[in-house]
Amino acid sequence: KPGQVWFLPGNTPVERRCRERCEVLFFKLSCDWLPGFDPLLD
């Protein structure tokens, strides 16, 4: 919904549904602790 901030993790298939016009600001990012190994992908 408008006014909500959602975290959508990578490597996580979702079905997207939309029936109306929307405006969205979104950020694409990765994370790591060990270089190149993203703990949130698995």
All heavy atoms as atom14 arrays in JSON, in Angstrom:
{
  "sequence": "KPGQVWFLPGNTPVERRCRERCEVLFFKLSCDWLPGFDPLLD",
  "atom14_mask": [
    [1, 1, 1, 1, 1, 1, 1, 1, 1, 0, 0, 0, 0, 0],
    [1, 1, 1, 1, 1, 1, 1, 0, 0, 0, 0, 0, 0, 0],
    [1, 1, 1, 1, 0, 0, 0, 0, 0, 0, 0, 0, 0, 0],
    [1, 1, 1, 1, 1, 1, 1, 1, 1, 0, 0, 0, 0, 0],
    [1, 1, 1, 1, 1, 1, 1, 0, 0, 0, 0, 0, 0, 0],
    [1, 1, 1, 1, 1, 1, 1, 1, 1, 1, 1, 1, 1, 1],
    [1, 1, 1, 1, 1, 1, 1, 1, 1, 1, 1, 0, 0, 0],
    [1, 1, 1, 1, 1, 1, 1, 1, 0, 0, 0, 0, 0, 0],
    [1, 1, 1, 1, 1, 1, 1, 0, 0, 0, 0, 0, 0, 0],
    [1, 1, 1, 1, 0, 0, 0, 0, 0, 0, 0, 0, 0, 0],
    [1, 1, 1, 1, 1, 1, 1, 1, 0, 0, 0, 0, 0, 0],
    [1, 1, 1, 1, 1, 1, 1, 0, 0, 0, 0, 0, 0, 0],
    [1, 1, 1, 1, 1, 1, 1, 0, 0, 0, 0, 0, 0, 0],
    [1, 1, 1, 1, 1, 1, 1, 0, 0, 0, 0, 0, 0, 0],
    [1, 1, 1, 1, 1, 1, 1, 1, 1, 0, 0, 0, 0, 0],
    [1, 1, 1, 1, 1, 1, 1, 1, 1, 1, 1, 0, 0, 0],
    [1, 1, 1, 1, 1, 1, 1, 1, 1, 1, 1, 0, 0, 0],
    [1, 1, 1, 1, 1, 1, 0, 0, 0, 0, 0, 0, 0, 0],
    [1, 1, 1, 1, 1, 1, 1, 1, 1, 1, 1, 0, 0, 0],
    [1, 1, 1, 1, 1, 1, 1, 1, 1, 0, 0, 0, 0, 0],
    [1, 1, 1, 1, 1, 1, 1, 1, 1, 1, 1, 0, 0, 0],
    [1, 1, 1, 1, 1, 1, 0, 0, 0, 0, 0, 0, 0, 0],
    [1, 1, 1, 1, 1, 1, 1, 1, 1, 0, 0, 0, 0, 0],
    [1, 1, 1, 1, 1, 1, 1, 0, 0, 0, 0, 0, 0, 0],
    [1, 1, 1, 1, 1, 1, 1, 1, 0, 0, 0, 0, 0, 0],
    [1, 1, 1, 1, 1, 1, 1, 1, 1, 1, 1, 0, 0, 0],
    [1, 1, 1, 1, 1, 1, 1, 1, 1, 1, 1, 0, 0, 0],
    [1, 1, 1, 1, 1, 1, 1, 1, 1, 0, 0, 0, 0, 0],
    [1, 1, 1, 1, 1, 1, 1, 1, 0, 0, 0, 0, 0, 0],
    [1, 1, 1, 1, 1, 1, 0, 0, 0, 0, 0, 0, 0, 0],
    [1, 1, 1, 1, 1, 1, 0, 0, 0, 0, 0, 0, 0, 0],
    [1, 1, 1, 1, 1, 1, 1, 1, 0, 0, 0, 0, 0, 0],
    [1, 1, 1, 1, 1, 1, 1, 1, 1, 1, 1, 1, 1, 1],
    [1, 1, 1, 1, 1, 1, 1, 1, 0, 0, 0, 0, 0, 0],
    [1, 1, 1, 1, 1, 1, 1, 0, 0, 0, 0, 0, 0, 0],
    [1, 1, 1, 1, 0, 0, 0, 0, 0, 0, 0, 0, 0, 0],
    [1, 1, 1, 1, 1, 1, 1, 1, 1, 1, 1, 0, 0, 0],
    [1, 1, 1, 1, 1, 1, 1, 1, 0, 0, 0, 0, 0, 0],
    [1, 1, 1, 1, 1, 1, 1, 0, 0, 0, 0, 0, 0, 0],
    [1, 1, 1, 1, 1, 1, 1, 1, 0, 0, 0, 0, 0, 0],
    [1, 1, 1, 1, 1, 1, 1, 1, 0, 0, 0, 0, 0, 0],
    [1, 1, 1, 1, 1, 1, 1, 1, 0, 0, 0, 0, 0, 0]
  ],
  "atom14_positions": [
    [[0.82, -1.2, 0.0], [0.0, 0.0, 0.0], [0.86, 1.26, 0.0], [2.02, 1.23, 0.42], [-0.91, 0.0, 1.23], [-1.83, -1.21, 1.33], [-2.61, -1.18, 2.63], [-3.49, -2.41, 2.77], [-4.22, -2.44, 4.08], [0.0, 0.0, 0.0], [0.0, 0.0, 0.0], [0.0, 0.0, 0.0], [0.0, 0.0, 0.0], [0.0, 0.0, 0.0]],
    [[0.29, 2.39, -0.45], [1.02, 3.66, -0.39], [1.44, 3.99, 1.04], [0.69, 3.72, 1.99], [0.02, 4.69, -0.92], [-0.92, 3.88, -1.76], [-1.04, 2.55, -1.09], [0.0, 0.0, 0.0], [0.0, 0.0, 0.0], [0.0, 0.0, 0.0], [0.0, 0.0, 0.0], [0.0, 0.0, 0.0], [0.0, 0.0, 0.0], [0.0, 0.0, 0.0]],
    [[2.65, 4.53, 1.18], [3.13, 4.89, 2.51], [3.79, 3.74, 3.25], [4.19, 3.9, 4.4], [0.0, 0.0, 0.0], [0.0, 0.0, 0.0], [0.0, 0.0, 0.0], [0.0, 0.0, 0.0], [0.0, 0.0, 0.0], [0.0, 0.0, 0.0], [0.0, 0.0, 0.0], [0.0, 0.0, 0.0], [0.0, 0.0, 0.0], [0.0, 0.0, 0.0]],
    [[3.92, 2.59, 2.59], [4.59, 1.45, 3.21], [5.94, 1.2, 2.55], [6.1, 1.39, 1.35], [3.73, 0.18, 3.09], [2.45, 0.22, 3.91], [1.66, -1.08, 3.78], [1.8, -1.81, 2.8], [0.84, -1.36, 4.77], [0.0, 0.0, 0.0], [0.0, 0.0, 0.0], [0.0, 0.0, 0.0], [0.0, 0.0, 0.0], [0.0, 0.0, 0.0]],
    [[6.9, 0.75, 3.35], [8.23, 0.39, 2.86], [8.37, -1.12, 2.98], [8.27, -1.67, 4.08], [9.34, 1.09, 3.68], [10.71, 0.71, 3.12], [9.14, 2.6, 3.67], [0.0, 0.0, 0.0], [0.0, 0.0, 0.0], [0.0, 0.0, 0.0], [0.0, 0.0, 0.0], [0.0, 0.0, 0.0], [0.0, 0.0, 0.0], [0.0, 0.0, 0.0]],
    [[8.58, -1.79, 1.84], [8.67, -3.24, 1.83], [10.07, -3.69, 1.44], [10.68, -3.15, 0.51], [7.66, -3.84, 0.84], [6.26, -3.87, 1.39], [5.35, -2.85, 1.36], [5.63, -4.96, 2.06], [4.18, -3.24, 1.97], [4.32, -4.54, 2.4], [6.03, -6.25, 2.4], [3.42, -5.37, 3.08], [5.14, -7.09, 3.07], [3.85, -6.64, 3.4]],
    [[10.56, -4.7, 2.16], [11.81, -5.37, 1.79], [11.43, -6.63, 1.03], [10.75, -7.51, 1.55], [12.63, -5.72, 3.03], [13.86, -6.54, 2.71], [14.88, -6.01, 1.94], [13.98, -7.84, 3.18], [16.02, -6.77, 1.64], [15.11, -8.59, 2.89], [16.13, -8.06, 2.12], [0.0, 0.0, 0.0], [0.0, 0.0, 0.0], [0.0, 0.0, 0.0]],
    [[11.85, -6.7, -0.24], [11.59, -7.86, -1.1], [12.93, -8.53, -1.38], [13.7, -8.06, -2.22], [10.9, -7.41, -2.39], [9.61, -6.6, -2.21], [9.1, -6.1, -3.56], [8.54, -7.41, -1.5], [0.0, 0.0, 0.0], [0.0, 0.0, 0.0], [0.0, 0.0, 0.0], [0.0, 0.0, 0.0], [0.0, 0.0, 0.0], [0.0, 0.0, 0.0]],
    [[13.25, -9.61, -0.67], [14.59, -10.21, -0.79], [14.83, -10.84, -2.15], [13.91, -11.35, -2.8], [14.61, -11.26, 0.33], [13.17, -11.56, 0.61], [12.41, -10.3, 0.33], [0.0, 0.0, 0.0], [0.0, 0.0, 0.0], [0.0, 0.0, 0.0], [0.0, 0.0, 0.0], [0.0, 0.0, 0.0], [0.0, 0.0, 0.0], [0.0, 0.0, 0.0]],
    [[16.08, -10.79, -2.59], [16.46, -11.44, -3.83], [16.36, -12.95, -3.71], [16.26, -13.5, -2.62], [0.0, 0.0, 0.0], [0.0, 0.0, 0.0], [0.0, 0.0, 0.0], [0.0, 0.0, 0.0], [0.0, 0.0, 0.0], [0.0, 0.0, 0.0], [0.0, 0.0, 0.0], [0.0, 0.0, 0.0], [0.0, 0.0, 0.0], [0.0, 0.0, 0.0]],
    [[16.39, -13.63, -4.85], [16.33, -15.09, -4.89], [15.06, -15.6, -4.23], [15.05, -16.67, -3.62], [17.56, -15.69, -4.19], [17.81, -17.14, -4.59], [17.46, -17.57, -5.68], [18.42, -17.9, -3.69], [0.0, 0.0, 0.0], [0.0, 0.0, 0.0], [0.0, 0.0, 0.0], [0.0, 0.0, 0.0], [0.0, 0.0, 0.0], [0.0, 0.0, 0.0]],
    [[13.98, -14.81, -4.34], [12.71, -15.14, -3.69], [11.57, -14.93, -4.69], [11.04, -13.82, -4.81], [12.48, -14.25, -2.44], [13.64, -14.3, -1.61], [11.27, -14.7, -1.66], [0.0, 0.0, 0.0], [0.0, 0.0, 0.0], [0.0, 0.0, 0.0], [0.0, 0.0, 0.0], [0.0, 0.0, 0.0], [0.0, 0.0, 0.0], [0.0, 0.0, 0.0]],
    [[11.2, -15.96, -5.45], [10.17, -15.79, -6.48], [8.82, -15.37, -5.89], [8.36, -15.93, -4.9], [10.08, -17.19, -7.1], [11.39, -17.83, -6.8], [11.77, -17.31, -5.45], [0.0, 0.0, 0.0], [0.0, 0.0, 0.0], [0.0, 0.0, 0.0], [0.0, 0.0, 0.0], [0.0, 0.0, 0.0], [0.0, 0.0, 0.0], [0.0, 0.0, 0.0]],
    [[8.22, -14.36, -6.52], [6.89, -13.9, -6.12], [6.04, -13.73, -7.38], [6.55, -13.46, -8.46], [6.93, -12.57, -5.34], [7.67, -12.72, -4.04], [7.53, -11.46, -6.18], [0.0, 0.0, 0.0], [0.0, 0.0, 0.0], [0.0, 0.0, 0.0], [0.0, 0.0, 0.0], [0.0, 0.0, 0.0], [0.0, 0.0, 0.0], [0.0, 0.0, 0.0]],
    [[4.75, -13.87, -7.19], [3.78, -13.53, -8.25], [3.34, -12.1, -8.01], [2.92, -11.75, -6.91], [2.58, -14.47, -8.19], [1.49, -14.13, -9.21], [0.18, -14.87, -8.95], [0.21, -15.91, -8.27], [-0.87, -14.39, -9.44], [0.0, 0.0, 0.0], [0.0, 0.0, 0.0], [0.0, 0.0, 0.0], [0.0, 0.0, 0.0], [0.0, 0.0, 0.0]],
    [[3.44, -11.26, -9.03], [3.07, -9.86, -8.9], [1.65, -9.64, -9.42], [1.29, -10.16, -10.48], [4.05, -8.97, -9.68], [5.5, -9.11, -9.24], [6.39, -8.11, -9.96], [6.26, -8.2, -11.41], [6.93, -9.06, -12.17], [7.77, -9.93, -11.62], [6.75, -9.08, -13.48], [0.0, 0.0, 0.0], [0.0, 0.0, 0.0], [0.0, 0.0, 0.0]],
    [[0.87, -8.86, -8.69], [-0.5, -8.56, -9.1], [-0.73, -7.05, -9.07], [-0.38, -6.38, -8.09], [-1.5, -9.26, -8.18], [-1.4, -10.78, -8.19], [-2.43, -11.41, -7.29], [-2.37, -12.87, -7.32], [-3.18, -13.68, -6.65], [-4.14, -13.16, -5.89], [-3.03, -14.99, -6.73], [0.0, 0.0, 0.0], [0.0, 0.0, 0.0], [0.0, 0.0, 0.0]],
    [[-1.31, -6.54, -10.13], [-1.57, -5.11, -10.21], [-2.74, -4.86, -11.15], [-2.75, -5.37, -12.28], [-0.32, -4.37, -10.7], [-0.46, -2.57, -10.66], [0.0, 0.0, 0.0], [0.0, 0.0, 0.0], [0.0, 0.0, 0.0], [0.0, 0.0, 0.0], [0.0, 0.0, 0.0], [0.0, 0.0, 0.0], [0.0, 0.0, 0.0], [0.0, 0.0, 0.0]],
    [[-3.71, -4.05, -10.71], [-4.89, -3.76, -11.53], [-5.11, -2.26, -11.72], [-6.06, -1.85, -12.36], [-6.14, -4.38, -10.89], [-6.12, -5.9, -10.82], [-6.23, -6.52, -12.2], [-6.27, -7.97, -12.16], [-5.21, -8.76, -12.2], [-3.99, -8.22, -12.3], [-5.32, -10.07, -12.15], [0.0, 0.0, 0.0], [0.0, 0.0, 0.0], [0.0, 0.0, 0.0]],
    [[-4.24, -1.44, -11.14], [-4.44, 0.01, -11.24], [-3.11, 0.7, -11.43], [-2.04, 0.1, -11.28], [-5.13, 0.54, -9.97], [-4.37, 0.25, -8.69], [-5.16, 0.67, -7.45], [-5.98, -0.13, -6.97], [-4.94, 1.81, -6.99], [0.0, 0.0, 0.0], [0.0, 0.0, 0.0], [0.0, 0.0, 0.0], [0.0, 0.0, 0.0], [0.0, 0.0, 0.0]],
    [[-3.15, 1.98, -11.8], [-1.93, 2.74, -11.99], [-1.28, 3.02, -10.63], [-1.95, 3.37, -9.66], [-2.2, 4.06, -12.69], [-2.85, 3.93, -14.06], [-2.07, 3.02, -15.0], [-0.71, 3.51, -15.26], [0.19, 2.85, -15.98], [-0.11, 1.64, -16.48], [1.38, 3.36, -16.18], [0.0, 0.0, 0.0], [0.0, 0.0, 0.0], [0.0, 0.0, 0.0]],
    [[0.02, 2.85, -10.56], [0.76, 3.01, -9.31], [2.04, 3.8, -9.56], [2.6, 3.79, -10.66], [1.14, 1.65, -8.72], [-0.25, 0.54, -8.41], [0.0, 0.0, 0.0], [0.0, 0.0, 0.0], [0.0, 0.0, 0.0], [0.0, 0.0, 0.0], [0.0, 0.0, 0.0], [0.0, 0.0, 0.0], [0.0, 0.0, 0.0], [0.0, 0.0, 0.0]],
    [[2.5, 4.48, -8.53], [3.81, 5.11, -8.53], [4.64, 4.45, -7.44], [4.18, 4.3, -6.3], [3.69, 6.61, -8.26], [2.96, 7.38, -9.35], [2.8, 8.84, -8.97], [2.26, 9.1, -7.88], [3.22, 9.71, -9.76], [0.0, 0.0, 0.0], [0.0, 0.0, 0.0], [0.0, 0.0, 0.0], [0.0, 0.0, 0.0], [0.0, 0.0, 0.0]],
    [[5.85, 4.06, -7.79], [6.7, 3.33, -6.85], [8.13, 3.87, -6.92], [8.68, 4.04, -8.01], [6.73, 1.81, -7.16], [7.57, 1.07, -6.13], [5.32, 1.25, -7.23], [0.0, 0.0, 0.0], [0.0, 0.0, 0.0], [0.0, 0.0, 0.0], [0.0, 0.0, 0.0], [0.0, 0.0, 0.0], [0.0, 0.0, 0.0], [0.0, 0.0, 0.0]],
    [[8.71, 4.16, -5.77], [10.14, 4.44, -5.68], [10.78, 3.17, -5.15], [10.34, 2.63, -4.13], [10.39, 5.6, -4.72], [11.86, 5.98, -4.48], [12.49, 6.57, -5.74], [11.97, 6.95, -3.32], [0.0, 0.0, 0.0], [0.0, 0.0, 0.0], [0.0, 0.0, 0.0], [0.0, 0.0, 0.0], [0.0, 0.0, 0.0], [0.0, 0.0, 0.0]],
    [[11.79, 2.65, -5.86], [12.41, 1.43, -5.36], [13.93, 1.46, -5.52], [14.48, 2.17, -6.36], [11.81, 0.18, -6.01], [12.06, -0.01, -7.47], [13.08, -0.85, -7.92], [11.26, 0.62, -8.42], [13.3, -1.05, -9.27], [11.48, 0.43, -9.77], [12.5, -0.41, -10.2], [0.0, 0.0, 0.0], [0.0, 0.0, 0.0], [0.0, 0.0, 0.0]],
    [[14.56, 0.7, -4.65], [16.02, 0.62, -4.59], [16.44, -0.83, -4.82], [15.86, -1.74, -4.23], [16.52, 1.1, -3.22], [15.97, 2.43, -2.79], [14.82, 2.51, -2.02], [16.6, 3.61, -3.16], [14.3, 3.74, -1.63], [16.1, 4.84, -2.78], [14.94, 4.91, -2.01], [0.0, 0.0, 0.0], [0.0, 0.0, 0.0], [0.0, 0.0, 0.0]],
    [[17.44, -1.02, -5.67], [18.01, -2.34, -5.89], [19.34, -2.39, -5.15], [20.16, -1.47, -5.25], [18.22, -2.6, -7.39], [16.9, -2.72, -8.16], [17.13, -2.72, -9.66], [17.68, -4.03, -10.19], [16.64, -5.07, -10.33], [0.0, 0.0, 0.0], [0.0, 0.0, 0.0], [0.0, 0.0, 0.0], [0.0, 0.0, 0.0], [0.0, 0.0, 0.0]],
    [[19.57, -3.46, -4.4], [20.76, -3.52, -3.56], [21.17, -4.96, -3.28], [20.42, -5.9, -3.52], [20.5, -2.79, -2.24], [19.28, -3.28, -1.44], [19.71, -4.09, -0.24], [18.44, -2.08, -0.99], [0.0, 0.0, 0.0], [0.0, 0.0, 0.0], [0.0, 0.0, 0.0], [0.0, 0.0, 0.0], [0.0, 0.0, 0.0], [0.0, 0.0, 0.0]],
    [[22.4, -5.1, -2.8], [22.89, -6.39, -2.33], [23.51, -6.17, -0.95], [23.74, -5.02, -0.54], [23.93, -6.97, -3.3], [25.06, -6.12, -3.39], [0.0, 0.0, 0.0], [0.0, 0.0, 0.0], [0.0, 0.0, 0.0], [0.0, 0.0, 0.0], [0.0, 0.0, 0.0], [0.0, 0.0, 0.0], [0.0, 0.0, 0.0], [0.0, 0.0, 0.0]],
    [[23.74, -7.25, -0.24], [24.35, -7.18, 1.09], [25.47, -8.21, 1.16], [25.49, -9.17, 0.4], [23.33, -7.5, 2.18], [21.82, -6.5, 2.15], [0.0, 0.0, 0.0], [0.0, 0.0, 0.0], [0.0, 0.0, 0.0], [0.0, 0.0, 0.0], [0.0, 0.0, 0.0], [0.0, 0.0, 0.0], [0.0, 0.0, 0.0], [0.0, 0.0, 0.0]],
    [[26.4, -8.01, 2.06], [27.37, -9.07, 2.33], [27.99, -8.89, 3.7], [27.93, -7.84, 4.31], [28.43, -9.17, 1.24], [29.35, -7.96, 1.11], [29.6, -7.29, 2.12], [29.83, -7.69, 0.0], [0.0, 0.0, 0.0], [0.0, 0.0, 0.0], [0.0, 0.0, 0.0], [0.0, 0.0, 0.0], [0.0, 0.0, 0.0], [0.0, 0.0, 0.0]],
    [[28.56, -9.96, 4.19], [29.42, -9.96, 5.37], [30.78, -10.45, 4.92], [31.72, -9.71, 4.91], [28.84, -10.85, 6.47], [29.38, -10.5, 7.83], [28.81, -9.63, 8.73], [30.59, -10.96, 8.45], [29.59, -9.53, 9.87], [30.7, -10.35, 9.73], [31.6, -11.84, 8.06], [31.76, -10.59, 10.59], [32.67, -12.07, 8.92], [32.74, -11.46, 10.17]],
    [[30.86, -11.69, 4.47], [32.03, -12.12, 3.73], [31.94, -11.51, 2.34], [30.84, -11.41, 1.78], [32.09, -13.65, 3.63], [32.35, -14.4, 4.94], [32.16, -15.9, 4.72], [33.74, -14.11, 5.46], [0.0, 0.0, 0.0], [0.0, 0.0, 0.0], [0.0, 0.0, 0.0], [0.0, 0.0, 0.0], [0.0, 0.0, 0.0], [0.0, 0.0, 0.0]],
    [[33.05, -11.08, 1.74], [33.0, -10.42, 0.43], [32.26, -11.25, -0.61], [32.61, -12.41, -0.86], [34.48, -10.26, 0.06], [35.19, -10.23, 1.36], [34.43, -11.17, 2.26], [0.0, 0.0, 0.0], [0.0, 0.0, 0.0], [0.0, 0.0, 0.0], [0.0, 0.0, 0.0], [0.0, 0.0, 0.0], [0.0, 0.0, 0.0], [0.0, 0.0, 0.0]],
    [[31.21, -10.67, -1.18], [30.49, -11.33, -2.26], [29.5, -12.38, -1.84], [28.79, -12.93, -2.68], [0.0, 0.0, 0.0], [0.0, 0.0, 0.0], [0.0, 0.0, 0.0], [0.0, 0.0, 0.0], [0.0, 0.0, 0.0], [0.0, 0.0, 0.0], [0.0, 0.0, 0.0], [0.0, 0.0, 0.0], [0.0, 0.0, 0.0], [0.0, 0.0, 0.0]],
    [[29.42, -12.68, -0.54], [28.51, -13.74, -0.1], [27.38, -13.1, 0.68], [27.54, -12.68, 1.81], [29.25, -14.76, 0.77], [28.61, -16.13, 0.76], [29.27, -17.21, 0.21], [27.35, -16.33, 1.29], [28.68, -18.47, 0.19], [26.75, -17.57, 1.27], [27.44, -18.65, 0.73], [0.0, 0.0, 0.0], [0.0, 0.0, 0.0], [0.0, 0.0, 0.0]],
    [[26.21, -13.02, 0.07], [25.06, -12.34, 0.65], [24.29, -13.29, 1.55], [23.67, -14.24, 1.07], [24.15, -11.84, -0.49], [23.07, -10.89, -0.01], [22.63, -11.02, 1.14], [22.64, -10.03, -0.8], [0.0, 0.0, 0.0], [0.0, 0.0, 0.0], [0.0, 0.0, 0.0], [0.0, 0.0, 0.0], [0.0, 0.0, 0.0], [0.0, 0.0, 0.0]],
    [[24.28, -13.07, 2.87], [23.58, -13.99, 3.77], [22.07, -14.0, 3.6], [21.4, -14.94, 4.03], [23.97, -13.48, 5.17], [24.31, -12.05, 4.97], [24.92, -11.96, 3.6], [0.0, 0.0, 0.0], [0.0, 0.0, 0.0], [0.0, 0.0, 0.0], [0.0, 0.0, 0.0], [0.0, 0.0, 0.0], [0.0, 0.0, 0.0], [0.0, 0.0, 0.0]],
    [[21.52, -12.97, 2.96], [20.06, -12.9, 2.82], [19.55, -13.6, 1.57], [18.35, -13.79, 1.42], [19.61, -11.43, 2.8], [19.97, -10.62, 4.05], [19.4, -9.21, 3.96], [19.47, -11.32, 5.31], [0.0, 0.0, 0.0], [0.0, 0.0, 0.0], [0.0, 0.0, 0.0], [0.0, 0.0, 0.0], [0.0, 0.0, 0.0], [0.0, 0.0, 0.0]],
    [[20.46, -14.02, 0.67], [20.02, -14.73, -0.53], [19.65, -16.18, -0.23], [18.85, -16.78, -0.95], [21.1, -14.7, -1.61], [21.28, -13.39, -2.36], [22.39, -13.52, -3.39], [19.99, -12.96, -3.05], [0.0, 0.0, 0.0], [0.0, 0.0, 0.0], [0.0, 0.0, 0.0], [0.0, 0.0, 0.0], [0.0, 0.0, 0.0], [0.0, 0.0, 0.0]],
    [[20.23, -16.74, 0.83], [19.96, -18.14, 1.18], [19.33, -18.29, 2.56], [19.21, -19.39, 3.07], [21.27, -18.95, 1.11], [21.89, -18.89, -0.27], [21.26, -19.38, -1.21], [22.99, -18.33, -0.4], [0.0, 0.0, 0.0], [0.0, 0.0, 0.0], [0.0, 0.0, 0.0], [0.0, 0.0, 0.0], [0.0, 0.0, 0.0], [0.0, 0.0, 0.0]]
  ]
}
